[in-house]
Amino acid sequence: ADEQDELDLEAEDLLDDLKSKNNHLSAEQDASNTPGGGDGSNQHPDEDESADEDELANKKDFPSSEDKEVDLILQNVRFSEIPGLSKEKIVYKFFRAVVKQWERDLAKRDDSERRTAKAKMETRTQKQCKDYIRPLFKMCKKREVPADILYKLHLMVQHCEQGNFRAANDVYISTAIGNSAWPIGLTMVGIHERSGRE
């Protein structure tokens, strides 16, 4: 069932890529049908650059959309600054790429390192995380993430892309457990945010 879910998400990614390519081709056809012969002389310079990037992407051996997302993270591309992406799509693409990068990093280890207890534990942790985050991916695809959680997830992505991981962690903690007092009367238990912390 997990493999089927993974395949379903990959298929949806491929469909999204095909739709965006189709939209790009439609835009090119519309431009060629405009007066002036469609030689591109009236195009905006940014459109020429995006067309060059699309041609470069098409020249590759059709890497999966996940590989593209991981490569974008490695190139320090910020999903939150890509125009036209919804918050759900930004959250989905960012966390999906992070999970895939983690998987790639673990796969790059040599055999002797993979056999250690620590390496086996890291692999199990990565697989567990991948399984546990799958429902979030499905909710993002269906646009069913509650607005308050989506706002916090988007904020986490922005902080991570800026390299401000402490702020991202603070947003995560406030999302996961909040700032309210515990009903049993405990104070300063060590997991809530503290006002005196840097």
C-alpha atoms as a PDB file:
ATOM      1  CA  ALA A   1       0.000   0.000   0.000  1.00  0.00           C
ATOM      2  CA  ASP A   2       2.885   2.378   0.792  1.00  0.00           C
ATOM      3  CA  GLU A   3       4.494   1.681  -2.579  1.00  0.00           C
ATOM      4  CA  GLN A   4       1.164   2.310  -4.302  1.00  0.00           C
ATOM      5  CA  ASP A   5       0.793   5.639  -2.459  1.00  0.00           C
ATOM      6  CA  GLU A   6       4.311   6.574  -3.535  1.00  0.00           C
ATOM      7  CA  LEU A   7       3.513   5.677  -7.145  1.00  0.00           C
ATOM      8  CA  ASP A   8       0.287   7.680  -6.995  1.00  0.00           C
ATOM      9  CA  LEU A   9       2.152  10.760  -5.765  1.00  0.00           C
ATOM     10  CA  GLU A  10       4.805  10.358  -8.466  1.00  0.00           C
ATOM     11  CA  ALA A  11       2.097   9.991 -11.124  1.00  0.00           C
ATOM     12  CA  GLU A  12       0.424  13.169  -9.890  1.00  0.00           C
ATOM     13  CA  ASP A  13       3.784  14.954 -10.057  1.00  0.00           C
ATOM     14  CA  LEU A  14       4.262  13.808 -13.638  1.00  0.00           C
ATOM     15  CA  LEU A  15       0.763  14.981 -14.537  1.00  0.00           C
ATOM     16  CA  ASP A  16       1.504  18.375 -12.979  1.00  0.00           C
ATOM     17  CA  ASP A  17       4.721  18.592 -15.017  1.00  0.00           C
ATOM     18  CA  LEU A  18       2.858  17.673 -18.199  1.00  0.00           C
ATOM     19  CA  LYS A  19       0.184  20.281 -17.482  1.00  0.00           C
ATOM     20  CA  SER A  20       2.778  22.993 -16.928  1.00  0.00           C
ATOM     21  CA  LYS A  21       4.590  21.997 -20.156  1.00  0.00           C
ATOM     22  CA  ASN A  22       1.271  22.014 -21.988  1.00  0.00           C
ATOM     23  CA  ASN A  23       0.519  25.492 -20.642  1.00  0.00           C
ATOM     24  CA  HIS A  24       3.985  26.619 -21.721  1.00  0.00           C
ATOM     25  CA  LEU A  25       3.425  25.230 -25.248  1.00  0.00           C
ATOM     26  CA  SER A  26       0.024  26.919 -25.425  1.00  0.00           C
ATOM     27  CA  ALA A  27       1.604  30.211 -24.440  1.00  0.00           C
ATOM     28  CA  GLU A  28       4.265  29.763 -27.146  1.00  0.00           C
ATOM     29  CA  GLN A  29       1.597  29.032 -29.755  1.00  0.00           C
ATOM     30  CA  ASP A  30      -0.365  32.094 -28.689  1.00  0.00           C
ATOM     31  CA  ALA A  31       2.791  34.190 -29.018  1.00  0.00           C
ATOM     32  CA  SER A  32       3.491  32.820 -32.499  1.00  0.00           C
ATOM     33  CA  ASN A  33      -0.066  33.666 -33.586  1.00  0.00           C
ATOM     34  CA  THR A  34       0.320  37.320 -32.631  1.00  0.00           C
ATOM     35  CA  PRO A  35       0.946  39.977 -35.296  1.00  0.00           C
ATOM     36  CA  GLY A  36       4.598  40.433 -36.086  1.00  0.00           C
ATOM     37  CA  GLY A  37       5.297  36.859 -37.126  1.00  0.00           C
ATOM     38  CA  GLY A  38       5.921  35.466 -33.649  1.00  0.00           C
ATOM     39  CA  ASP A  39       9.662  35.931 -33.929  1.00  0.00           C
ATOM     40  CA  GLY A  40       9.812  36.645 -30.213  1.00  0.00           C
ATOM     41  CA  SER A  41      10.980  40.211 -30.674  1.00  0.00           C
ATOM     42  CA  ASN A  42       8.108  41.491 -28.540  1.00  0.00           C
ATOM     43  CA  GLN A  43       8.689  39.000 -25.737  1.00  0.00           C
ATOM     44  CA  HIS A  44       9.796  40.009 -22.295  1.00  0.00           C
ATOM     45  CA  PRO A  45      13.473  39.119 -21.583  1.00  0.00           C
ATOM     46  CA  ASP A  46      12.477  36.978 -18.600  1.00  0.00           C
ATOM     47  CA  GLU A  47      10.347  34.802 -20.880  1.00  0.00           C
ATOM     48  CA  ASP A  48      13.392  34.073 -23.055  1.00  0.00           C
ATOM     49  CA  GLU A  49      15.344  32.974 -19.991  1.00  0.00           C
ATOM     50  CA  SER A  50      12.541  30.684 -18.816  1.00  0.00           C
ATOM     51  CA  ALA A  51      12.324  29.160 -22.314  1.00  0.00           C
ATOM     52  CA  ASP A  52      16.070  28.442 -22.230  1.00  0.00           C
ATOM     53  CA  GLU A  53      15.696  26.798 -18.821  1.00  0.00           C
ATOM     54  CA  ASP A  54      12.833  24.653 -20.126  1.00  0.00           C
ATOM     55  CA  GLU A  55      14.931  23.552 -23.114  1.00  0.00           C
ATOM     56  CA  LEU A  56      17.793  22.584 -20.804  1.00  0.00           C
ATOM     57  CA  ALA A  57      15.415  20.605 -18.605  1.00  0.00           C
ATOM     58  CA  ASN A  58      14.008  18.793 -21.650  1.00  0.00           C
ATOM     59  CA  LYS A  59      17.494  17.864 -22.895  1.00  0.00           C
ATOM     60  CA  LYS A  60      18.129  15.827 -19.775  1.00  0.00           C
ATOM     61  CA  ASP A  61      16.998  12.216 -19.794  1.00  0.00           C
ATOM     62  CA  PHE A  62      13.636  13.178 -18.317  1.00  0.00           C
ATOM     63  CA  PRO A  63      14.570  13.158 -14.625  1.00  0.00           C
ATOM     64  CA  SER A  64      11.709  12.631 -12.234  1.00  0.00           C
ATOM     65  CA  SER A  65      10.010  15.666 -10.733  1.00  0.00           C
ATOM     66  CA  GLU A  66      11.457  14.670  -7.348  1.00  0.00           C
ATOM     67  CA  ASP A  67      14.986  14.805  -8.767  1.00  0.00           C
ATOM     68  CA  LYS A  68      14.235  18.257 -10.152  1.00  0.00           C
ATOM     69  CA  GLU A  69      12.974  19.411  -6.748  1.00  0.00           C
ATOM     70  CA  VAL A  70      16.076  18.059  -4.992  1.00  0.00           C
ATOM     71  CA  ASP A  71      18.311  19.730  -7.566  1.00  0.00           C
ATOM     72  CA  LEU A  72      16.464  23.005  -7.005  1.00  0.00           C
ATOM     73  CA  ILE A  73      17.117  22.789  -3.266  1.00  0.00           C
ATOM     74  CA  LEU A  74      20.797  22.069  -3.945  1.00  0.00           C
ATOM     75  CA  GLN A  75      20.894  25.170  -6.160  1.00  0.00           C
ATOM     76  CA  ASN A  76      19.367  27.219  -3.313  1.00  0.00           C
ATOM     77  CA  VAL A  77      16.177  27.878  -5.269  1.00  0.00           C
ATOM     78  CA  ARG A  78      13.424  29.027  -2.956  1.00  0.00           C
ATOM     79  CA  PHE A  79      10.096  27.382  -3.710  1.00  0.00           C
ATOM     80  CA  SER A  80       8.323  30.106  -1.750  1.00  0.00           C
ATOM     81  CA  GLU A  81       9.551  32.700  -4.268  1.00  0.00           C
ATOM     82  CA  ILE A  82       8.472  30.842  -7.417  1.00  0.00           C
ATOM     83  CA  PRO A  83       5.515  32.743  -8.879  1.00  0.00           C
ATOM     84  CA  GLY A  84       2.294  30.859  -9.414  1.00  0.00           C
ATOM     85  CA  LEU A  85       2.826  28.175  -6.781  1.00  0.00           C
ATOM     86  CA  SER A  86       0.128  27.809  -4.161  1.00  0.00           C
ATOM     87  CA  LYS A  87       1.103  27.449  -0.514  1.00  0.00           C
ATOM     88  CA  GLU A  88       0.123  23.770  -0.638  1.00  0.00           C
ATOM     89  CA  LYS A  89       2.386  23.203  -3.629  1.00  0.00           C
ATOM     90  CA  ILE A  90       5.272  25.083  -1.984  1.00  0.00           C
ATOM     91  CA  VAL A  91       4.988  23.009   1.199  1.00  0.00           C
ATOM     92  CA  TYR A  92       4.627  19.796  -0.788  1.00  0.00           C
ATOM     93  CA  LYS A  93       7.579  20.445  -3.099  1.00  0.00           C
ATOM     94  CA  PHE A  94       9.898  21.633  -0.335  1.00  0.00           C
ATOM     95  CA  PHE A  95       9.317  18.780   2.099  1.00  0.00           C
ATOM     96  CA  ARG A  96       9.223  16.195  -0.668  1.00  0.00           C
ATOM     97  CA  ALA A  97      12.604  17.422  -1.919  1.00  0.00           C
ATOM     98  CA  VAL A  98      14.050  17.382   1.604  1.00  0.00           C
ATOM     99  CA  VAL A  99      12.929  13.788   2.149  1.00  0.00           C
ATOM    100  CA  LYS A 100      14.353  12.776  -1.237  1.00  0.00           C
ATOM    101  CA  GLN A 101      17.659  14.542  -0.532  1.00  0.00           C
ATOM    102  CA  TRP A 102      17.867  12.739   2.798  1.00  0.00           C
ATOM    103  CA  GLU A 103      17.251   9.444   0.989  1.00  0.00           C
ATOM    104  CA  ARG A 104      19.957  10.274  -1.578  1.00  0.00           C
ATOM    105  CA  ASP A 105      22.456  11.143   1.153  1.00  0.00           C
ATOM    106  CA  LEU A 106      21.827   7.836   2.895  1.00  0.00           C
ATOM    107  CA  ALA A 107      22.175   5.934  -0.381  1.00  0.00           C
ATOM    108  CA  LYS A 108      25.600   7.504  -1.044  1.00  0.00           C
ATOM    109  CA  ARG A 109      27.149   5.778   1.977  1.00  0.00           C
ATOM    110  CA  ASP A 110      29.563   2.960   1.230  1.00  0.00           C
ATOM    111  CA  ASP A 111      28.686  -0.637   2.156  1.00  0.00           C
ATOM    112  CA  SER A 112      30.858  -0.790   5.254  1.00  0.00           C
ATOM    113  CA  GLU A 113      29.200   2.332   6.639  1.00  0.00           C
ATOM    114  CA  ARG A 114      25.701   1.055   5.829  1.00  0.00           C
ATOM    115  CA  ARG A 115      26.227  -2.044   7.956  1.00  0.00           C
ATOM    116  CA  THR A 116      26.790  -0.149  11.201  1.00  0.00           C
ATOM    117  CA  ALA A 117      24.034   0.037  13.792  1.00  0.00           C
ATOM    118  CA  LYS A 118      23.983   3.823  13.550  1.00  0.00           C
ATOM    119  CA  ALA A 119      23.497   3.702   9.764  1.00  0.00           C
ATOM    120  CA  LYS A 120      20.691   1.159  10.066  1.00  0.00           C
ATOM    121  CA  MET A 121      18.978   3.375  12.632  1.00  0.00           C
ATOM    122  CA  GLU A 122      19.318   6.407  10.333  1.00  0.00           C
ATOM    123  CA  THR A 123      17.792   4.444   7.447  1.00  0.00           C
ATOM    124  CA  ARG A 124      14.867   3.296   9.610  1.00  0.00           C
ATOM    125  CA  THR A 125      14.305   6.865  10.801  1.00  0.00           C
ATOM    126  CA  GLN A 126      14.266   8.163   7.228  1.00  0.00           C
ATOM    127  CA  LYS A 127      11.798   5.491   6.106  1.00  0.00           C
ATOM    128  CA  GLN A 128       9.570   6.165   9.097  1.00  0.00           C
ATOM    129  CA  CYS A 129       9.609   9.896   8.393  1.00  0.00           C
ATOM    130  CA  LYS A 130       8.783   9.233   4.740  1.00  0.00           C
ATOM    131  CA  ASP A 131       5.817   7.090   5.777  1.00  0.00           C
ATOM    132  CA  TYR A 132       4.573   9.537   8.398  1.00  0.00           C
ATOM    133  CA  ILE A 133       4.752  12.584   6.131  1.00  0.00           C
ATOM    134  CA  ARG A 134       2.833  10.876   3.306  1.00  0.00           C
ATOM    135  CA  PRO A 135      -0.621  11.945   4.670  1.00  0.00           C
ATOM    136  CA  LEU A 136       0.548  15.579   4.635  1.00  0.00           C
ATOM    137  CA  PHE A 137       1.581  15.190   1.007  1.00  0.00           C
ATOM    138  CA  LYS A 138      -1.841  13.775   0.140  1.00  0.00           C
ATOM    139  CA  MET A 139      -3.574  16.639   1.942  1.00  0.00           C
ATOM    140  CA  CYS A 140      -1.417  19.154   0.072  1.00  0.00           C
ATOM    141  CA  LYS A 141      -2.252  17.515  -3.255  1.00  0.00           C
ATOM    142  CA  LYS A 142      -5.975  17.592  -2.476  1.00  0.00           C
ATOM    143  CA  ARG A 143      -5.706  21.110  -0.968  1.00  0.00           C
ATOM    144  CA  GLU A 144      -7.215  19.886   2.303  1.00  0.00           C
ATOM    145  CA  VAL A 145      -4.609  21.238   4.734  1.00  0.00           C
ATOM    146  CA  PRO A 146      -6.329  23.399   7.383  1.00  0.00           C
ATOM    147  CA  ALA A 147      -5.570  27.083   6.829  1.00  0.00           C
ATOM    148  CA  ASP A 148      -3.892  27.648  10.205  1.00  0.00           C
ATOM    149  CA  ILE A 149      -1.570  24.663   9.766  1.00  0.00           C
ATOM    150  CA  LEU A 150      -0.855  25.563   6.139  1.00  0.00           C
ATOM    151  CA  TYR A 151       0.162  29.072   7.216  1.00  0.00           C
ATOM    152  CA  LYS A 152       2.591  27.666   9.793  1.00  0.00           C
ATOM    153  CA  LEU A 153       4.007  25.086   7.361  1.00  0.00           C
ATOM    154  CA  HIS A 154       4.565  27.799   4.756  1.00  0.00           C
ATOM    155  CA  LEU A 155       6.288  29.918   7.390  1.00  0.00           C
ATOM    156  CA  MET A 156       8.537  26.952   8.289  1.00  0.00           C
ATOM    157  CA  VAL A 157       9.478  26.529   4.630  1.00  0.00           C
ATOM    158  CA  GLN A 158      10.346  30.221   4.336  1.00  0.00           C
ATOM    159  CA  HIS A 159      12.530  30.099   7.456  1.00  0.00           C
ATOM    160  CA  CYS A 160      14.297  26.948   6.231  1.00  0.00           C
ATOM    161  CA  GLU A 161      14.953  28.465   2.814  1.00  0.00           C
ATOM    162  CA  GLN A 162      16.485  31.503   4.510  1.00  0.00           C
ATOM    163  CA  GLY A 163      18.660  29.252   6.674  1.00  0.00           C
ATOM    164  CA  ASN A 164      16.899  30.354   9.867  1.00  0.00           C
ATOM    165  CA  PHE A 165      16.381  26.864  11.277  1.00  0.00           C
ATOM    166  CA  ARG A 166      15.875  28.000  14.859  1.00  0.00           C
ATOM    167  CA  ALA A 167      12.887  30.122  13.808  1.00  0.00           C
ATOM    168  CA  ALA A 168      11.572  27.194  11.744  1.00  0.00           C
ATOM    169  CA  ASN A 169      11.882  24.937  14.789  1.00  0.00           C
ATOM    170  CA  ASP A 170      10.077  27.508  16.945  1.00  0.00           C
ATOM    171  CA  VAL A 171       7.203  27.600  14.433  1.00  0.00           C
ATOM    172  CA  TYR A 172       7.135  23.793  14.432  1.00  0.00           C
ATOM    173  CA  ILE A 173       6.976  23.638  18.239  1.00  0.00           C
ATOM    174  CA  SER A 174       4.213  26.236  18.396  1.00  0.00           C
ATOM    175  CA  THR A 175       2.295  24.300  15.724  1.00  0.00           C
ATOM    176  CA  ALA A 176       2.774  20.915  17.355  1.00  0.00           C
ATOM    177  CA  ILE A 177       2.108  21.739  21.013  1.00  0.00           C
ATOM    178  CA  GLY A 178       1.283  25.435  21.128  1.00  0.00           C
ATOM    179  CA  ASN A 179       2.014  27.894  23.899  1.00  0.00           C
ATOM    180  CA  SER A 180      -0.855  27.162  26.247  1.00  0.00           C
ATOM    181  CA  ALA A 181      -0.211  26.068  29.833  1.00  0.00           C
ATOM    182  CA  TRP A 182      -0.412  22.385  30.588  1.00  0.00           C
ATOM    183  CA  PRO A 183      -3.654  21.415  32.352  1.00  0.00           C
ATOM    184  CA  ILE A 184      -1.858  19.492  35.097  1.00  0.00           C
ATOM    185  CA  GLY A 185      -0.217  22.631  36.418  1.00  0.00           C
ATOM    186  CA  LEU A 186       3.348  21.965  35.337  1.00  0.00           C
ATOM    187  CA  THR A 187       5.436  24.991  34.503  1.00  0.00           C
ATOM    188  CA  MET A 188       8.859  25.265  32.881  1.00  0.00           C
ATOM    189  CA  VAL A 189       8.838  21.649  31.702  1.00  0.00           C
ATOM    190  CA  GLY A 190      11.428  22.419  29.093  1.00  0.00           C
ATOM    191  CA  ILE A 191       9.585  21.814  25.830  1.00  0.00           C
ATOM    192  CA  HIS A 192       7.525  24.980  25.523  1.00  0.00           C
ATOM    193  CA  GLU A 193       9.047  28.135  24.140  1.00  0.00           C
ATOM    194  CA  ARG A 194      10.708  30.273  26.768  1.00  0.00           C
ATOM    195  CA  SER A 195      10.567  34.030  26.709  1.00  0.00           C
ATOM    196  CA  GLY A 196      14.193  34.418  27.841  1.00  0.00           C
ATOM    197  CA  ARG A 197      15.593  32.208  25.088  1.00  0.00           C
ATOM    198  CA  GLU A 198      17.673  33.788  22.297  1.00  0.00           C
END
